Protein backbone atom coordinates (compact mmCIF):
# COMPACT_ATOMS: atom_id res chain seq x y z
CA MET A 1 0.00 0.00 0.00
CA LYS A 2 2.81 2.42 0.88
CA SER A 3 4.40 2.17 -2.55
CA ARG A 4 1.04 2.84 -4.21
CA VAL A 5 0.52 5.92 -2.05
CA LEU A 6 3.91 7.33 -2.95
CA TRP A 7 3.20 6.59 -6.60
CA TRP A 8 0.03 8.69 -6.33
CA PHE A 9 2.01 11.61 -5.00
CA ASN A 10 4.62 11.28 -7.71
CA SER A 11 2.27 10.79 -10.66
CA GLY A 12 -0.92 12.60 -9.58
CA SER A 13 -2.89 9.38 -9.84
CA ARG A 14 -4.56 7.26 -7.16
CA MET A 15 -3.57 7.93 -3.55
CA ILE A 16 -4.85 4.85 -1.74
CA SER A 17 -4.46 1.33 -3.05
CA ARG A 18 -7.64 -0.57 -3.78
CA ALA A 19 -7.67 -2.74 -0.69
CA ARG A 20 -10.10 -5.60 -0.40
CA TRP A 21 -13.52 -4.68 0.96
CA SER A 22 -12.96 -6.92 3.98
CA HIS A 23 -9.90 -4.91 4.94
CA ARG A 24 -11.58 -1.53 4.82
CA LEU A 25 -11.57 0.31 8.10
CA PRO A 26 -13.67 3.31 9.08
CA LEU A 27 -13.04 6.79 7.88
CA ALA A 28 -12.79 9.80 10.05
CA GLY A 29 -14.12 13.22 9.30
CA ILE A 30 -14.69 16.54 10.88
CA ALA A 31 -17.61 18.23 11.22
CA CYS A 32 -19.94 19.25 13.72
CA LEU A 33 -21.30 22.73 14.06
CA GLY A 34 -19.03 25.08 15.93
CA LEU A 35 -21.05 27.45 18.11
CA ALA A 36 -24.20 25.45 17.57
CA LEU A 37 -25.68 26.30 20.93
CA VAL A 38 -25.90 30.05 20.56
CA GLY A 39 -29.55 31.15 20.58
CA PHE A 40 -31.05 27.67 20.61
CA GLY A 41 -33.54 26.45 23.16
CA GLY A 42 -33.77 23.24 25.11
CA LEU A 43 -36.41 20.55 25.42
CA THR A 44 -39.97 21.79 25.96
CA PRO A 45 -42.81 19.75 27.58
CA ALA A 46 -44.42 19.33 24.15
CA GLN A 47 -41.17 17.95 22.77
CA SER A 48 -40.88 15.57 25.73
CA GLN A 49 -44.32 14.18 24.92
CA GLU A 50 -43.38 13.86 21.24
CA ARG A 51 -40.24 12.00 22.27
CA ALA A 52 -42.28 9.38 24.12
CA GLN A 53 -44.89 9.01 21.38
CA ASN A 54 -42.48 8.60 18.49
CA GLY A 55 -39.70 6.67 20.17
CA ALA A 56 -41.36 3.26 20.08
CA GLN A 57 -41.62 3.29 16.29
CA ASN A 58 -37.86 3.26 15.63
CA VAL A 59 -34.51 2.09 16.97
CA ARG A 60 -33.99 3.79 20.30
CA TYR A 61 -30.83 5.14 21.92
CA ARG A 62 -29.37 5.27 25.40
CA ILE A 63 -27.51 8.49 26.11
CA GLN A 64 -24.09 8.61 27.76
CA ASP A 65 -23.21 12.07 29.02
CA LEU A 66 -19.54 12.65 28.17
CA GLY A 67 -19.46 15.67 30.42
CA VAL A 68 -19.45 19.45 30.25
CA VAL A 69 -17.35 20.83 27.40
CA GLY A 70 -18.36 24.47 27.78
CA THR A 71 -20.06 26.75 30.29
CA ASN A 72 -20.30 29.70 27.91
CA ALA A 73 -22.50 29.40 24.81
CA ASN A 74 -20.08 31.64 22.91
CA GLN A 75 -17.15 29.36 23.72
CA PRO A 76 -18.34 25.77 23.67
CA GLY A 77 -16.16 22.74 23.27
CA GLN A 78 -17.60 19.83 21.35
CA PRO A 79 -17.07 16.33 19.98
CA PHE A 80 -16.50 15.81 16.27
CA VAL A 81 -15.84 12.22 15.16
CA ILE A 82 -16.50 8.77 16.61
CA SER A 83 -14.47 5.86 15.26
CA ASN A 84 -15.67 2.26 15.02
CA SER A 85 -13.50 1.41 18.00
CA GLY A 86 -15.16 4.07 20.12
CA TRP A 87 -12.62 6.90 20.07
CA VAL A 88 -14.22 10.34 20.05
CA SER A 89 -12.24 13.44 19.08
CA GLY A 90 -13.10 16.99 20.05
CA GLY A 91 -12.36 20.01 22.18
CA SER A 92 -13.17 20.98 25.75
CA ASN A 93 -12.79 24.11 27.81
CA VAL A 94 -9.93 23.80 30.30
CA GLY A 95 -10.02 26.88 32.50
CA THR A 96 -9.98 29.82 30.08
CA ALA A 97 -8.44 27.76 27.25
CA LEU A 98 -9.78 25.31 24.68
CA HIS A 99 -7.90 22.01 24.45
CA ALA A 100 -8.00 19.12 22.03
CA VAL A 101 -9.34 16.04 23.81
CA LEU A 102 -10.07 12.37 23.18
CA TRP A 103 -12.82 10.36 24.81
CA HIS A 104 -12.74 6.57 25.09
CA GLY A 105 -15.23 4.75 27.25
CA ARG A 106 -15.90 7.05 30.17
CA GLU A 107 -12.47 8.68 30.19
CA MET A 108 -11.45 11.98 28.62
CA THR A 109 -7.78 12.65 27.82
CA ASP A 110 -6.47 16.18 27.41
CA ILE A 111 -4.14 15.88 24.39
CA GLY A 112 -3.80 19.67 24.12
CA LYS A 113 -1.53 19.80 27.16
CA PRO A 114 1.18 20.82 26.63
CA GLY A 115 0.48 20.75 22.87
CA PHE A 116 2.28 23.66 21.25
CA GLY A 117 1.55 26.07 24.08
CA GLY A 118 -1.84 27.42 23.04
CA ASN A 119 -5.44 26.50 22.27
CA SER A 120 -6.27 23.45 20.17
CA MET A 121 -9.04 21.20 18.84
CA ALA A 122 -9.05 17.61 17.56
CA PHE A 123 -11.27 17.20 14.49
CA GLY A 124 -10.52 13.60 13.43
CA VAL A 125 -9.45 10.29 14.95
CA ASP A 126 -8.67 6.81 13.63
CA GLU A 127 -9.12 3.33 15.08
CA GLN A 128 -5.86 3.48 17.02
CA GLY A 129 -6.67 6.79 18.68
CA HIS A 130 -4.41 8.90 16.46
CA ALA A 131 -5.99 12.34 16.39
CA VAL A 132 -5.64 15.27 13.98
CA GLY A 133 -6.66 18.88 14.28
CA GLU A 134 -5.48 22.45 14.78
CA ALA A 135 -3.29 23.97 17.48
CA GLU A 136 -1.88 27.38 18.26
CA ASP A 137 1.91 27.34 18.14
CA THR A 138 3.58 29.82 20.48
CA ALA A 139 7.14 28.80 19.53
CA ASP A 140 9.70 31.46 18.68
CA GLY A 141 10.15 32.07 14.98
CA LEU A 142 6.47 31.84 14.04
CA SER A 143 4.27 34.92 13.79
CA THR A 144 1.05 36.00 12.10
CA THR A 145 -1.42 38.87 12.03
CA GLU A 146 -4.21 36.49 10.97
CA ASP A 147 -6.76 34.75 13.18
CA PHE A 148 -6.79 31.67 10.94
CA CYS A 149 -8.39 29.23 13.40
CA GLY A 150 -10.61 31.85 15.03
CA PHE A 151 -9.34 31.44 18.57
CA GLN A 152 -9.15 35.22 18.95
CA ALA A 153 -12.62 35.69 17.44
CA MET A 154 -14.02 33.15 19.92
CA GLY A 155 -12.37 34.95 22.84
CA TYR A 156 -9.75 32.36 23.73
CA SER A 157 -6.72 34.39 22.60
CA SER A 158 -6.01 38.07 23.08
CA SER A 159 -3.99 38.39 19.87
CA PRO A 160 -3.45 36.48 16.61
CA THR A 161 -1.38 33.33 17.10
CA PRO A 162 -0.03 30.94 14.45
CA CYS A 163 -2.32 27.91 14.14
CA VAL A 164 -0.85 24.75 12.65
CA PRO A 165 -2.21 21.34 11.59
CA PHE A 166 -1.20 18.46 13.86
CA ILE A 167 -1.30 14.73 14.39
CA TRP A 168 -1.29 13.34 17.93
CA LYS A 169 0.16 9.84 18.33
CA LYS A 170 2.13 7.94 20.94
CA GLY A 171 1.27 10.62 23.47
CA LYS A 172 2.80 13.49 21.50
CA MET A 173 1.45 16.28 19.31
CA LEU A 174 3.41 16.68 16.06
CA PRO A 175 3.04 19.53 13.53
CA LEU A 176 2.19 18.86 9.89
CA LYS A 177 3.65 20.90 7.05
CA THR A 178 1.68 23.68 5.39
CA LEU A 179 1.93 24.79 1.74
CA GLY A 180 4.52 27.40 2.63
CA GLY A 181 2.32 29.64 4.73
CA VAL A 182 2.09 29.78 8.51
CA ASN A 183 -1.36 28.31 9.17
CA GLY A 184 -3.30 25.13 8.50
CA VAL A 185 -5.91 22.67 9.80
CA ALA A 186 -6.06 18.84 9.69
CA ASN A 187 -9.66 17.63 9.53
CA ALA A 188 -9.66 13.85 9.07
CA ILE A 189 -7.47 10.73 9.06
CA ASN A 190 -8.26 7.38 7.44
CA SER A 191 -7.16 3.86 8.36
CA TRP A 192 -4.02 4.10 6.19
CA GLY A 193 -2.86 7.23 8.00
CA ALA A 194 -3.69 9.62 5.14
CA ILE A 195 -4.80 13.01 6.49
CA VAL A 196 -6.80 15.78 4.82
CA GLY A 197 -7.52 19.39 5.67
CA TYR A 198 -6.39 22.76 4.36
CA ALA A 199 -3.36 25.01 4.62
CA GLU A 200 -2.05 28.39 3.59
CA ASN A 201 0.38 29.02 0.77
CA ARG A 202 2.39 32.20 0.27
CA LYS A 203 0.05 33.81 -2.24
CA LYS A 204 -1.84 36.87 -1.00
CA ASP A 205 -5.55 36.91 -1.82
CA PRO A 206 -6.75 40.52 -2.22
CA ASP A 207 -10.36 39.36 -1.78
CA CYS A 208 -9.75 38.07 1.76
CA PRO A 209 -11.38 40.25 4.44
CA SER A 210 -9.08 41.39 7.21
CA PRO A 211 -7.36 39.88 9.13
CA GLN A 212 -7.01 36.99 6.65
CA ILE A 213 -4.33 37.67 4.02
CA TYR A 214 -3.13 34.48 2.38
CA GLN A 215 -4.77 31.93 0.12
CA PHE A 216 -5.49 28.46 1.51
CA LYS A 217 -5.97 25.21 -0.37
CA PRO A 218 -7.29 21.72 0.46
CA VAL A 219 -4.42 19.41 1.36
CA ILE A 220 -3.63 15.73 1.75
CA TRP A 221 -0.77 14.59 3.97
CA PHE A 222 0.83 11.14 3.92
CA GLU A 223 4.05 10.44 5.82
CA ASP A 224 6.41 13.24 4.68
CA TRP A 225 4.31 14.28 1.68
CA THR A 226 2.10 17.36 1.53
CA LEU A 227 0.02 17.85 -1.62
CA PRO A 228 -2.54 20.56 -2.51
CA LEU A 229 -5.79 19.51 -4.16
CA PRO A 230 -7.23 21.35 -7.18
CA THR A 231 -10.06 23.86 -6.68
CA GLY A 232 -10.89 24.74 -10.28
CA SER A 233 -11.52 28.44 -10.79
CA ASP A 234 -12.06 29.07 -7.07
CA SER A 235 -9.22 30.57 -5.06
CA GLU A 236 -9.71 28.66 -1.82
CA GLY A 237 -10.80 25.22 -0.68
CA VAL A 238 -11.23 22.88 2.28
CA ALA A 239 -11.00 19.08 2.46
CA SER A 240 -13.24 17.68 5.18
CA SER A 241 -13.18 13.87 4.98
CA ILE A 242 -11.35 10.94 3.38
CA ASN A 243 -12.44 7.31 3.11
CA ASP A 244 -10.24 4.21 2.92
CA TRP A 245 -10.25 4.23 -0.89
CA GLY A 246 -8.59 7.64 -0.81
CA ASP A 247 -11.73 9.46 -1.97
CA ILE A 248 -11.78 12.97 -0.50
CA VAL A 249 -14.66 15.41 -0.09
CA GLY A 250 -14.97 19.06 0.81
CA ALA A 251 -15.56 22.28 -1.08
CA SER A 252 -14.02 25.09 -3.07
CA GLY A 253 -15.00 28.72 -2.74
CA SER A 254 -13.75 32.08 -1.61
CA CYS A 255 -12.08 33.67 1.38
CA ALA A 256 -14.53 35.10 3.93
CA ALA A 257 -14.80 36.42 7.47
CA PHE A 258 -14.36 33.79 10.17
CA ASN A 259 -17.51 31.71 10.56
CA PRO A 260 -17.96 30.67 14.24
CA ILE A 261 -20.47 27.97 13.26
CA PHE A 262 -18.22 26.07 10.85
CA LEU A 263 -14.91 27.36 12.26
CA TYR A 264 -13.27 28.59 9.06
CA ASN A 265 -12.58 31.78 7.04
CA PHE A 266 -14.40 30.39 4.05
CA GLN A 267 -17.48 30.79 1.84
CA PRO A 268 -18.14 27.39 0.22
CA LEU A 269 -19.50 27.52 -3.32
CA HIS A 270 -18.92 24.08 -4.88
CA ALA A 271 -19.22 20.75 -3.08
CA LEU A 272 -16.36 18.60 -4.37
CA LEU A 273 -15.26 14.98 -4.57
CA TRP A 274 -11.60 14.35 -5.39
CA GLN A 275 -10.78 11.03 -7.09
CA ASP A 276 -7.56 10.15 -8.92
CA GLY A 277 -6.34 13.67 -8.26
CA VAL A 278 -9.30 15.17 -10.13
CA ALA A 279 -12.02 17.34 -8.57
CA MET A 280 -15.67 16.52 -9.37
CA ASP A 281 -18.39 19.10 -8.72
CA LEU A 282 -21.27 17.32 -6.95
CA GLY A 283 -23.84 19.92 -8.00
CA THR A 284 -26.31 21.80 -5.79
CA LEU A 285 -29.89 21.69 -4.54
CA GLY A 286 -30.55 24.83 -6.56
CA GLY A 287 -28.62 27.52 -4.67
CA ALA A 288 -25.30 29.18 -5.43
CA LEU A 289 -23.88 29.32 -1.88
CA ASN A 290 -23.05 27.04 1.05
CA ASN A 291 -22.56 23.91 -1.03
CA PHE A 292 -20.23 21.73 1.07
CA ALA A 293 -19.55 17.98 1.24
CA GLU A 294 -19.04 17.04 4.90
CA ASP A 295 -18.45 13.27 4.92
CA ILE A 296 -17.95 10.22 2.70
CA ASN A 297 -18.22 6.53 3.55
CA ASN A 298 -16.46 3.53 2.02
CA ARG A 299 -19.35 2.98 -0.41
CA GLY A 300 -18.71 6.40 -1.92
CA GLU A 301 -21.86 7.95 -0.48
CA VAL A 302 -21.40 11.65 0.27
CA VAL A 303 -23.41 13.86 2.63
CA GLY A 304 -23.35 17.57 3.35
CA GLY A 305 -25.36 20.74 2.98
CA SER A 306 -26.51 22.81 0.01
CA ASP A 307 -28.55 25.97 -0.43
CA LEU A 308 -31.95 25.72 -2.08
CA ARG A 309 -32.87 27.99 -4.97
CA GLY A 310 -32.79 31.60 -3.83
CA ASP A 311 -30.14 30.93 -1.14
CA GLN A 312 -32.54 31.58 1.75
CA THR A 313 -31.92 28.23 3.45
CA SER A 314 -29.93 25.02 3.18
CA HIS A 315 -30.88 21.34 3.34
CA GLY A 316 -28.83 18.26 3.97
CA PHE A 317 -28.05 16.19 0.89
CA LEU A 318 -27.04 12.65 -0.08
CA TRP A 319 -24.97 12.07 -3.21
CA THR A 320 -24.37 8.53 -4.51
CA THR A 321 -22.25 7.05 -7.28
CA GLY A 322 -25.41 5.58 -8.79
CA THR A 323 -27.35 8.81 -9.26
CA LYS A 324 -24.37 11.18 -9.41
CA LYS A 325 -26.53 14.01 -8.19
CA MET A 326 -27.64 15.49 -4.87
CA HIS A 327 -30.76 14.12 -3.22
CA ASP A 328 -32.52 16.59 -0.92
CA LEU A 329 -32.87 14.95 2.51
CA GLY A 330 -35.39 17.54 3.67
CA THR A 331 -35.74 18.47 7.33
CA VAL A 332 -37.16 17.09 10.55
CA ASP A 333 -40.92 17.57 10.36
CA ASN A 334 -41.61 21.13 9.18
CA ASP A 335 -38.23 22.61 10.05
CA PHE A 336 -36.66 25.30 7.89
CA TRP A 337 -33.00 24.25 7.69
CA SER A 338 -30.90 21.09 7.91
CA ILE A 339 -27.40 19.76 7.34
CA ALA A 340 -26.12 16.18 7.02
CA LEU A 341 -22.86 15.81 8.95
CA GLY A 342 -22.03 12.11 8.96
CA VAL A 343 -22.67 8.85 7.10
CA ASN A 344 -21.45 5.39 8.07
CA ASP A 345 -20.74 2.35 5.88
CA ARG A 346 -24.32 1.12 6.37
CA GLY A 347 -25.61 4.35 4.85
CA GLN A 348 -27.02 5.73 8.11
CA ILE A 349 -27.01 9.53 8.10
CA VAL A 350 -26.94 12.00 10.99
CA GLY A 351 -26.94 15.76 11.29
CA ALA A 352 -28.93 18.71 12.59
CA SER A 353 -32.23 20.41 11.76
CA ALA A 354 -33.59 23.81 12.84
CA ASN A 355 -36.89 25.69 12.78
CA ALA A 356 -37.48 28.92 10.86
CA ASP A 357 -36.28 31.34 13.55
CA PHE A 358 -33.47 29.01 14.68
CA THR A 359 -34.72 28.92 18.27
CA VAL A 360 -34.70 25.11 18.22
CA LEU A 361 -31.83 23.06 16.82
CA ARG A 362 -32.17 19.28 17.06
CA ALA A 363 -30.05 16.27 16.20
CA PHE A 364 -31.42 13.85 13.63
CA VAL A 365 -30.82 10.34 12.39
CA ARG A 366 -32.24 9.19 9.05
CA GLN A 367 -34.51 6.16 9.40
CA ASN A 368 -36.65 4.62 6.65
CA GLY A 369 -35.89 7.52 4.34
CA LYS A 370 -37.00 10.15 6.86
CA LEU A 371 -35.10 12.51 9.15
CA VAL A 372 -36.12 11.70 12.73
CA ASP A 373 -35.47 13.91 15.76
CA LEU A 374 -32.98 11.94 17.84
CA ASN A 375 -34.59 13.35 21.01
CA THR A 376 -37.75 11.36 20.21
CA LEU A 377 -35.76 8.11 20.14
CA ILE A 378 -34.18 8.26 23.59
CA ALA A 379 -34.63 5.21 25.82
CA GLY A 380 -34.84 6.19 29.45
CA SER A 381 -34.42 9.76 30.66
CA THR A 382 -31.75 12.43 30.35
CA PRO A 383 -31.65 16.15 31.21
CA LEU A 384 -29.86 16.74 27.91
CA PHE A 385 -31.44 18.08 24.74
CA LEU A 386 -29.51 16.72 21.76
CA GLU A 387 -28.82 19.60 19.40
CA THR A 388 -26.45 18.08 16.84
CA ALA A 389 -25.51 14.59 15.72
CA CYS A 390 -21.94 14.94 14.47
CA LYS A 391 -20.93 11.49 13.27
CA ILE A 392 -22.15 7.87 13.32
CA ASN A 393 -19.90 4.79 13.34
CA SER A 394 -20.53 1.33 11.87
CA GLY A 395 -22.13 0.19 15.13
CA GLY A 396 -24.68 2.98 14.91
CA GLU A 397 -23.16 4.95 17.81
CA ILE A 398 -23.64 8.70 17.47
CA ASP A 399 -21.73 11.58 19.05
CA GLY A 400 -22.80 15.19 19.26
CA ILE A 401 -23.52 18.33 21.24
CA ALA A 402 -26.25 18.59 23.86
CA PHE A 403 -27.65 21.35 26.05
CA ASP A 404 -28.60 21.08 29.71
CA ALA A 405 -31.40 23.59 30.33
CA ASN A 406 -31.01 23.16 34.10
CA THR A 407 -27.47 24.55 34.09
CA GLY A 408 -27.12 26.24 30.72
CA TYR A 409 -24.00 24.18 30.11
CA ILE A 410 -22.92 22.49 26.90
CA HIS A 411 -22.24 18.75 27.01
CA ALA A 412 -20.79 16.15 24.69
CA TYR A 413 -22.86 12.99 24.41
CA LEU A 414 -22.71 9.49 23.00
CA ALA A 415 -25.93 7.80 21.82
CA ARG A 416 -25.87 3.99 21.70
CA PRO A 417 -28.62 2.05 19.88
CA THR A 418 -30.61 -0.44 21.93
CA HIS A 419 -31.74 -3.75 20.40
């Protein structure tokens, strides 16, 4: 496999060897909503009744509270990815800082200490517990006037600090190379150790709003190799997920002000799938903006979000190799907005759905072709209202963000299906 990977880098052809189906291991991806809790409400009595009425009709879930990850709705930590072996990557508030963390079982490990001396988040994790993400680097010799990872915008840092992509393994955080610029982010890692994300080069983009200056491109890392991915006519791009075939998804677009929901300085325009070093535009649901591919499974099924015609709202989508076009997943009930954040190798899809005034955000799982509020499927009781479902592994376990109306605190949760 290693020789085939290196051949891809040298020739621009396939990155990952075509391993047998039986040897495929789970992918990892980013992607939950950043400051998802801001302005959203908790569970109302009417919703509690709906939960009980609807829960018996579908697979139900027992909720494990992974603990408080934020006490301030403007600065929440959160989980991102759950691997088949149960590793969960994310970030959690530690004092006044945000640290990359890993959960496994009932234990949380702070992998951001000491890190590189600043704030950090872990966006992806593989089966062995190797995590990737972003981390502020306070080492001498690095400097920036940009707030690339948004830690200053979110109130964690008092001044711009270089933010570098990292991999954490064997108890140590290691930096990954950029494309010549200072900053970068690693979003996902697959079972072969291939990592995807995005990084700055040295080209200034005059269309970037201050404080962003430099262009950034989607990137794949493997061992000592760092390779940019094509973005067509668009200046910028982000790679969000990679499966074990080496298929990569994300988006191309333009530089923008930092988005505290999706945690990047980016306006996505074209949802992309990269295969054999070539970018494929996955289309849209009718709109021109916010077309982004969030996750891909080992069957080549892609999920994400896309604006509807008129660009007044977005819906989650499913793209398959059979149809080669986006299928609108709709919303939960009569909600206004939705996004699909994760898909496992069984084709189960999870994400989030919101009402028209965005006062209620709720996690969903797709069952029998319909988006179902995960809160209506809970077995037993919990004080938590599940606001996002970030990822789902092959066992059907779901991780996400929840809100405790009793305390106002933000929690990470794990939902396990009952049979």
